[in-house]
Structure formats: structure tokens, C-alpha cells
Amino acid sequence: MKTISELFFIYTFLFTSVVSIPNEVEETQNAINRFSLEFYKEATNKNANKNLVVSPISAEVLLGLLSTGARGKTQKELNNAIHLPNSEIIKSTFHSTIEKHSGIPGVVLNVANKIYVKKGASFKLASVFKSIATDHFNAGVQNIDFSNKEKASSTINAWVESKTNNKIKDFISPETLDPETRVMLVNAIYFQGNWSKPFDMRSVHKWKFYKSMIDQMDVDMMFKIDEFPYAHLPEWDADILSLPYKNNDTYLAIILPRKIDGLETLEEKLYSVNIAEVLNKMRETRVC
């Protein structure tokens, strides 16, 4: 029996079987995974020693949308950033990704996009771009008066709150906006799902959680013995475990360094691997 005793590191990926041009399915999936790792690295570099939850797919969807409306050097730089070569692949990739997200059985996963455009005759979206935003990115378009910062931020916050089941409030502050603001792209994601193998609340008890080699605290942790997809990764000195949700098609992947101070080393190794290949190493194993 494998034992996972202390949880130091949680890293999640939402993998989607992209319905695209057959020869490009693997390429687009690798692009999403690569961008996710790069985004995570940048976020952790700017938030050192802080707890962090990020959604790389949110940023990539909006950058992909921007790319379809850009031209020349700007478009090329955006495409390079998200690792997708052209607008047709970008539109196909994110259209199918968003469609699949909205139809996953057994869980609730809402992905919503919105473009807020400054009111005025001089700030109208090109009809072609507006059609792409609506048809391929499921993005609504709304004119808004950014100069009225209080009202504009309240409008945007109300939309985000409505799309996240009232979980995300006060998404932006009025100070975020000013009369020079022309366009704002917003993405909201809401997820709710039940475990395929639920934890028993009666199993909750205090365990040691190590924040560092010398700093520890007692926290409530859940405990369960069962079979889950699992693999030991000796090249990383880590373990990977998958907790499936009720439909068994969506899961939380947890990567755990075996050393208390092994997180930084593990993160560095993550940036140079194909995560999909790592996940394929997992096999049903009895763990606790």
C-alpha cells in the first residue's frame, strides 16, 4: 500500500479532448499544457511564498480571442505566447474546448467570456471580430461608460458574480478603470462537482502540515483508503494521484514531492516535461 501522508503541493490541469483537425489535436493539446505551465511559472514568480490559485485556460482563451482580432506583429506575438500558429486553429481549438466544457455530464463547469467596449461612436468592434467572439468564444459584447468608474465596475462585478454562482464578488475595483480605458475582456469560470469516491466526514482528524522544514501546524485533513489512479515519479522524487469526479471523466491531479522542502525542485522539473505523458503513467493503485 502506498502512503501519502502530508500534502504540500496541489497542481491541477483541466485536460480537454479538443475536437479539431485530426492531425492537430495533439499539437493543440500540447499548446494548452505548455501555456499552462508557463503561466503558472510567471504567476508563482510574482507571488513567491503565497498561496495561489490560477486558471491558465482563462488567460489563454482571452489571448486567443485577442489574437483573432489582431494583425501583423501583434498577432504573431500573441500566437507565439499561446503556442498556436494561426487564427483558424485558434478558433477551432477554443470553440470546441468551450463547447465541451459546457456539456460535461455529472459536473457543473461554466466558462463565460465578455467584452466590454467604451461607449461612443468611435469605439465599435469590427463586425467580423464581433462574429468570431460570439460564434467561436461564446463571448458577449456590451458597451459601457468607463468614465463612470463606480457604475462600470459594479456592472462588471455583477456579471462575474452571476456567472460564478455568486462565489466571486468584487472582481474589480473602481480604481482599476479610468476614462482612458477602451476595452476590457473578462473571463469567468465556475466549477462544482462531487467526488466519484466521496470522503467520509467522520474520517477528518488533525495531521501535521509542514509549511517549511521548521514551520508546521495541525490542520484538519480527510483520510481515505481506496483505489485511485496513482504513479510514483522517481525522476521527480514525487508522487502523482488523481481524484476523479462523479463522471470519471474529470479529475483533480495532485503532485506531491516526497521531501518537505521539495516543492521548488519539483516546480522546476514541471516546466520541462509533457504533463499529458506524466498523467498517462498513472495506474489504479490502493492508496491512503
Protein backbone atom coordinates (compact mmCIF):
# COMPACT_ATOMS: atom_id res chain seq x y z
CA MET A 1 0.00 0.00 0.00
CA LYS A 2 1.32 3.42 -0.95
CA THR A 3 1.08 6.10 1.71
CA ILE A 4 0.67 9.81 1.08
CA SER A 5 0.96 11.45 4.49
CA GLU A 6 1.39 15.21 4.07
CA LEU A 7 0.05 17.34 1.26
CA PHE A 8 2.40 20.14 0.27
CA PHE A 9 1.61 20.84 -3.34
CA ILE A 10 -1.57 20.83 -5.38
CA TYR A 11 -1.35 21.34 -9.12
CA THR A 12 -4.43 20.96 -11.29
CA PHE A 13 -4.93 20.61 -15.00
CA LEU A 14 -8.16 20.61 -16.92
CA PHE A 15 -7.49 18.38 -19.90
CA THR A 16 -9.95 18.54 -22.77
CA SER A 17 -10.18 16.26 -25.77
CA VAL A 18 -10.06 19.03 -28.35
CA VAL A 19 -12.22 18.33 -31.38
CA SER A 20 -10.17 19.89 -34.14
CA ILE A 21 -8.43 18.97 -37.35
CA PRO A 22 -7.32 15.35 -36.66
CA ASN A 23 -3.60 15.90 -37.29
CA GLU A 24 -3.57 18.90 -34.97
CA VAL A 25 -5.39 17.52 -31.92
CA GLU A 26 -2.18 16.56 -30.10
CA GLU A 27 -0.49 19.81 -31.14
CA THR A 28 -3.27 21.97 -29.73
CA GLN A 29 -3.47 19.97 -26.52
CA ASN A 30 0.28 20.29 -26.03
CA ALA A 31 -0.02 24.03 -26.68
CA ILE A 32 -2.61 24.40 -23.92
CA ASN A 33 -0.50 22.35 -21.50
CA ARG A 34 2.67 24.30 -22.35
CA PHE A 35 0.97 27.65 -21.87
CA SER A 36 -0.49 26.45 -18.54
CA LEU A 37 2.97 25.66 -17.19
CA GLU A 38 4.43 28.96 -18.40
CA PHE A 39 1.52 30.88 -16.92
CA TYR A 40 1.91 29.07 -13.61
CA LYS A 41 5.63 29.81 -13.52
CA GLU A 42 5.09 33.50 -14.16
CA ALA A 43 2.35 33.67 -11.51
CA THR A 44 4.45 31.94 -8.85
CA ASN A 45 7.47 34.14 -9.61
CA LYS A 46 5.35 37.21 -8.88
CA ASN A 47 3.67 35.69 -5.82
CA ALA A 48 6.54 34.00 -4.03
CA ASN A 49 5.72 32.39 -0.67
CA LYS A 50 1.98 32.93 -1.16
CA ASN A 51 -0.90 30.53 -1.62
CA LEU A 52 -2.00 30.73 -5.21
CA VAL A 53 -4.92 29.53 -7.33
CA VAL A 54 -4.72 30.29 -11.03
CA SER A 55 -6.70 29.39 -14.14
CA PRO A 56 -4.36 29.35 -17.14
CA ILE A 57 -7.14 28.40 -19.55
CA SER A 58 -8.92 31.67 -18.67
CA ALA A 59 -5.94 33.72 -19.78
CA GLU A 60 -5.32 31.61 -22.88
CA VAL A 61 -8.93 31.89 -24.07
CA LEU A 62 -8.81 35.68 -23.84
CA LEU A 63 -5.41 35.90 -25.51
CA GLY A 64 -6.70 33.64 -28.27
CA LEU A 65 -9.70 35.92 -28.73
CA LEU A 66 -7.44 38.96 -28.90
CA SER A 67 -5.27 37.24 -31.49
CA THR A 68 -8.19 36.72 -33.88
CA GLY A 69 -8.75 40.47 -33.91
CA ALA A 70 -5.08 41.44 -34.20
CA ARG A 71 -2.87 41.71 -37.26
CA GLY A 72 0.83 41.76 -38.15
CA LYS A 73 3.44 41.74 -35.40
CA THR A 74 0.87 41.95 -32.60
CA GLN A 75 -0.96 38.87 -33.84
CA LYS A 76 2.30 36.97 -34.28
CA GLU A 77 3.39 37.73 -30.71
CA LEU A 78 0.02 36.67 -29.32
CA ASN A 79 0.12 33.42 -31.30
CA ASN A 80 3.64 32.72 -30.05
CA ALA A 81 2.50 33.34 -26.48
CA ILE A 82 -0.28 30.76 -26.65
CA HIS A 83 1.71 28.39 -28.92
CA LEU A 84 -0.98 28.17 -31.61
CA PRO A 85 0.04 29.05 -35.17
CA ASN A 86 -2.94 30.77 -36.77
CA SER A 87 -6.47 32.09 -36.32
CA GLU A 88 -8.23 29.10 -37.84
CA ILE A 89 -6.66 26.66 -35.38
CA ILE A 90 -7.24 29.12 -32.53
CA LYS A 91 -10.94 29.48 -33.37
CA SER A 92 -11.39 25.72 -33.76
CA THR A 93 -9.47 24.91 -30.57
CA PHE A 94 -11.27 27.26 -28.23
CA HIS A 95 -14.69 26.80 -29.78
CA SER A 96 -14.52 23.03 -29.21
CA THR A 97 -12.94 23.48 -25.77
CA ILE A 98 -15.69 25.83 -24.58
CA GLU A 99 -18.38 23.61 -26.08
CA LYS A 100 -17.03 20.53 -24.32
CA HIS A 101 -16.72 22.36 -21.01
CA SER A 102 -20.37 23.36 -21.12
CA GLY A 103 -21.51 19.78 -21.70
CA ILE A 104 -19.58 17.64 -19.23
CA PRO A 105 -22.08 15.25 -17.60
CA GLY A 106 -22.14 14.91 -13.85
CA VAL A 107 -20.42 18.23 -13.05
CA VAL A 108 -21.19 21.91 -13.49
CA LEU A 109 -18.50 23.76 -15.41
CA ASN A 110 -19.43 27.16 -16.78
CA VAL A 111 -16.95 29.10 -18.92
CA ALA A 112 -18.13 32.61 -19.75
CA ASN A 113 -16.43 35.43 -21.68
CA LYS A 114 -17.42 39.08 -22.05
CA ILE A 115 -16.06 42.05 -23.96
CA TYR A 116 -16.80 45.48 -22.52
CA VAL A 117 -16.29 48.31 -25.03
CA LYS A 118 -16.20 52.03 -24.24
CA LYS A 119 -19.40 53.79 -25.23
CA GLY A 120 -19.18 56.11 -28.22
CA ALA A 121 -19.32 56.05 -31.98
CA SER A 122 -15.51 55.84 -32.21
CA PHE A 123 -15.30 52.57 -30.27
CA LYS A 124 -17.22 49.94 -32.20
CA LEU A 125 -15.93 46.43 -32.75
CA ALA A 126 -15.45 45.31 -36.35
CA SER A 127 -18.39 43.12 -37.36
CA VAL A 128 -16.07 40.24 -38.33
CA PHE A 129 -14.35 40.24 -34.94
CA LYS A 130 -17.67 40.54 -33.14
CA SER A 131 -18.95 37.46 -35.01
CA ILE A 132 -15.82 35.48 -34.11
CA ALA A 133 -16.18 36.49 -30.45
CA THR A 134 -19.80 35.37 -30.37
CA ASP A 135 -19.64 32.24 -32.53
CA HIS A 136 -16.28 30.77 -31.50
CA PHE A 137 -15.66 32.11 -27.99
CA ASN A 138 -19.23 32.43 -26.73
CA ALA A 139 -18.33 35.98 -25.73
CA GLY A 140 -20.99 38.61 -25.17
CA VAL A 141 -20.30 42.22 -26.13
CA GLN A 142 -21.52 45.22 -24.15
CA ASN A 143 -20.90 48.95 -24.39
CA ILE A 144 -20.06 50.60 -21.09
CA ASP A 145 -19.09 54.04 -19.80
CA PHE A 146 -15.67 53.51 -18.24
CA SER A 147 -15.52 57.16 -17.15
CA ASN A 148 -18.23 56.36 -14.58
CA LYS A 149 -15.92 54.07 -12.66
CA GLU A 150 -18.30 53.14 -9.86
CA LYS A 151 -21.14 52.16 -12.17
CA ALA A 152 -18.87 50.38 -14.69
CA SER A 153 -17.12 48.28 -12.03
CA SER A 154 -20.47 47.44 -10.45
CA THR A 155 -21.82 46.27 -13.83
CA ILE A 156 -18.78 44.07 -14.48
CA ASN A 157 -18.78 42.67 -10.95
CA ALA A 158 -22.47 41.80 -11.19
CA TRP A 159 -21.82 39.85 -14.41
CA VAL A 160 -18.90 37.92 -12.87
CA GLU A 161 -20.96 37.14 -9.77
CA SER A 162 -23.86 35.85 -11.87
CA LYS A 163 -21.57 33.54 -13.86
CA THR A 164 -19.84 32.07 -10.79
CA ASN A 165 -22.93 31.19 -8.75
CA ASN A 166 -22.31 34.25 -6.56
CA LYS A 167 -18.90 32.90 -5.49
CA ILE A 168 -16.69 35.65 -6.95
CA LYS A 169 -17.61 39.10 -5.68
CA ASP A 170 -15.94 42.48 -6.17
CA PHE A 171 -13.90 41.18 -9.10
CA ILE A 172 -12.51 44.63 -9.93
CA SER A 173 -12.37 47.88 -8.00
CA PRO A 174 -13.37 51.26 -9.46
CA GLU A 175 -9.70 52.30 -9.33
CA THR A 176 -8.95 49.64 -11.96
CA LEU A 177 -10.79 51.76 -14.53
CA ASP A 178 -10.29 55.27 -15.86
CA PRO A 179 -11.59 57.43 -18.75
CA GLU A 180 -8.76 56.14 -20.95
CA THR A 181 -9.97 52.54 -20.70
CA ARG A 182 -11.22 51.46 -24.10
CA VAL A 183 -11.83 47.70 -23.92
CA MET A 184 -11.92 45.10 -21.15
CA LEU A 185 -12.02 41.34 -21.73
CA VAL A 186 -13.33 39.27 -18.82
CA ASN A 187 -13.42 35.50 -18.29
CA ALA A 188 -15.31 33.75 -15.50
CA ILE A 189 -15.19 30.05 -14.64
CA TYR A 190 -17.41 28.21 -12.19
CA PHE A 191 -16.95 24.54 -11.28
CA GLN A 192 -18.97 22.30 -8.99
CA GLY A 193 -18.63 18.54 -8.81
CA ASN A 194 -18.92 15.59 -6.45
CA TRP A 195 -16.18 13.04 -5.95
CA SER A 196 -16.58 9.64 -7.57
CA LYS A 197 -15.41 8.18 -4.24
CA PRO A 198 -16.52 10.66 -1.57
CA PHE A 199 -14.61 11.22 1.66
CA ASP A 200 -16.35 10.35 4.92
CA MET A 201 -16.51 13.42 7.16
CA ARG A 202 -16.11 11.10 10.16
CA SER A 203 -12.56 10.40 8.96
CA VAL A 204 -11.45 14.03 9.40
CA HIS A 205 -8.73 14.42 12.00
CA LYS A 206 -5.75 16.61 12.84
CA TRP A 207 -2.49 15.99 10.99
CA LYS A 208 0.80 17.82 10.78
CA PHE A 209 1.09 20.18 7.83
CA TYR A 210 4.59 21.44 7.11
CA LYS A 211 4.87 24.95 5.73
CA SER A 212 8.66 24.58 5.77
CA MET A 213 11.30 22.32 7.27
CA ILE A 214 10.90 24.05 10.64
CA ASP A 215 7.41 25.54 10.50
CA GLN A 216 4.47 23.21 11.00
CA MET A 217 0.88 23.32 12.18
CA ASP A 218 -2.01 20.98 12.98
CA VAL A 219 -4.84 21.15 10.44
CA ASP A 220 -7.97 19.13 9.69
CA MET A 221 -7.33 16.57 6.95
CA MET A 222 -9.54 13.99 5.29
CA PHE A 223 -8.48 10.35 5.13
CA LYS A 224 -9.46 7.54 2.79
CA ILE A 225 -8.18 4.12 1.74
CA ASP A 226 -9.27 3.16 -1.77
CA GLU A 227 -8.08 2.55 -5.33
CA PHE A 228 -7.16 5.66 -7.32
CA PRO A 229 -5.04 6.37 -10.41
CA TYR A 230 -1.52 6.76 -8.97
CA ALA A 231 2.14 6.75 -10.03
CA HIS A 232 5.46 7.20 -8.31
CA LEU A 233 7.75 9.56 -10.24
CA PRO A 234 11.31 8.70 -9.14
CA GLU A 235 12.83 11.21 -11.58
CA TRP A 236 10.95 13.94 -9.70
CA ASP A 237 11.15 12.35 -6.25
CA ALA A 238 7.39 12.81 -6.15
CA ASP A 239 4.03 11.03 -6.39
CA ILE A 240 1.02 11.84 -8.53
CA LEU A 241 -2.55 10.97 -7.60
CA SER A 242 -5.83 11.52 -9.45
CA LEU A 243 -9.14 12.09 -7.67
CA PRO A 244 -11.94 11.54 -10.20
CA TYR A 245 -15.22 13.37 -10.01
CA LYS A 246 -18.51 11.56 -10.29
CA ASN A 247 -18.49 11.23 -14.08
CA ASN A 248 -14.94 9.75 -14.02
CA ASP A 249 -14.07 11.99 -17.00
CA THR A 250 -13.00 14.98 -14.91
CA TYR A 251 -10.43 14.81 -12.14
CA LEU A 252 -8.16 16.64 -9.76
CA ALA A 253 -4.50 15.76 -10.28
CA ILE A 254 -2.28 16.18 -7.21
CA ILE A 255 1.52 16.11 -7.44
CA LEU A 256 3.25 15.63 -4.10
CA PRO A 257 7.01 15.97 -3.51
CA ARG A 258 8.34 13.31 -1.15
CA LYS A 259 10.60 15.79 0.65
CA ILE A 260 9.20 18.54 2.85
CA ASP A 261 11.37 21.11 1.07
CA GLY A 262 10.98 19.50 -2.36
CA LEU A 263 8.40 21.87 -3.84
CA GLU A 264 10.79 24.26 -5.56
CA THR A 265 12.73 21.43 -7.20
CA LEU A 266 9.51 19.78 -8.34
CA GLU A 267 8.23 23.00 -9.89
CA GLU A 268 11.41 23.48 -11.88
CA LYS A 269 11.08 19.98 -13.33
CA LEU A 270 7.45 20.56 -14.26
CA TYR A 271 8.36 23.29 -16.71
CA SER A 272 10.33 20.96 -18.97
CA VAL A 273 8.01 17.94 -19.27
CA ASN A 274 4.96 16.82 -21.19
CA ILE A 275 2.31 16.70 -18.47
CA ALA A 276 0.00 14.51 -20.56
CA GLU A 277 2.70 11.82 -20.65
CA VAL A 278 3.09 12.03 -16.87
CA LEU A 279 -0.64 11.57 -16.35
CA ASN A 280 -0.60 8.51 -18.62
CA LYS A 281 1.76 6.79 -16.17
CA MET A 282 -0.93 6.51 -13.52
CA ARG A 283 -2.47 3.12 -12.77
CA GLU A 284 -5.24 2.08 -10.37
CA THR A 285 -3.48 1.56 -7.03
CA ARG A 286 -4.69 1.11 -3.48
CA VAL A 287 -3.60 4.23 -1.60
CA CYS A 288 -4.36 6.03 1.62
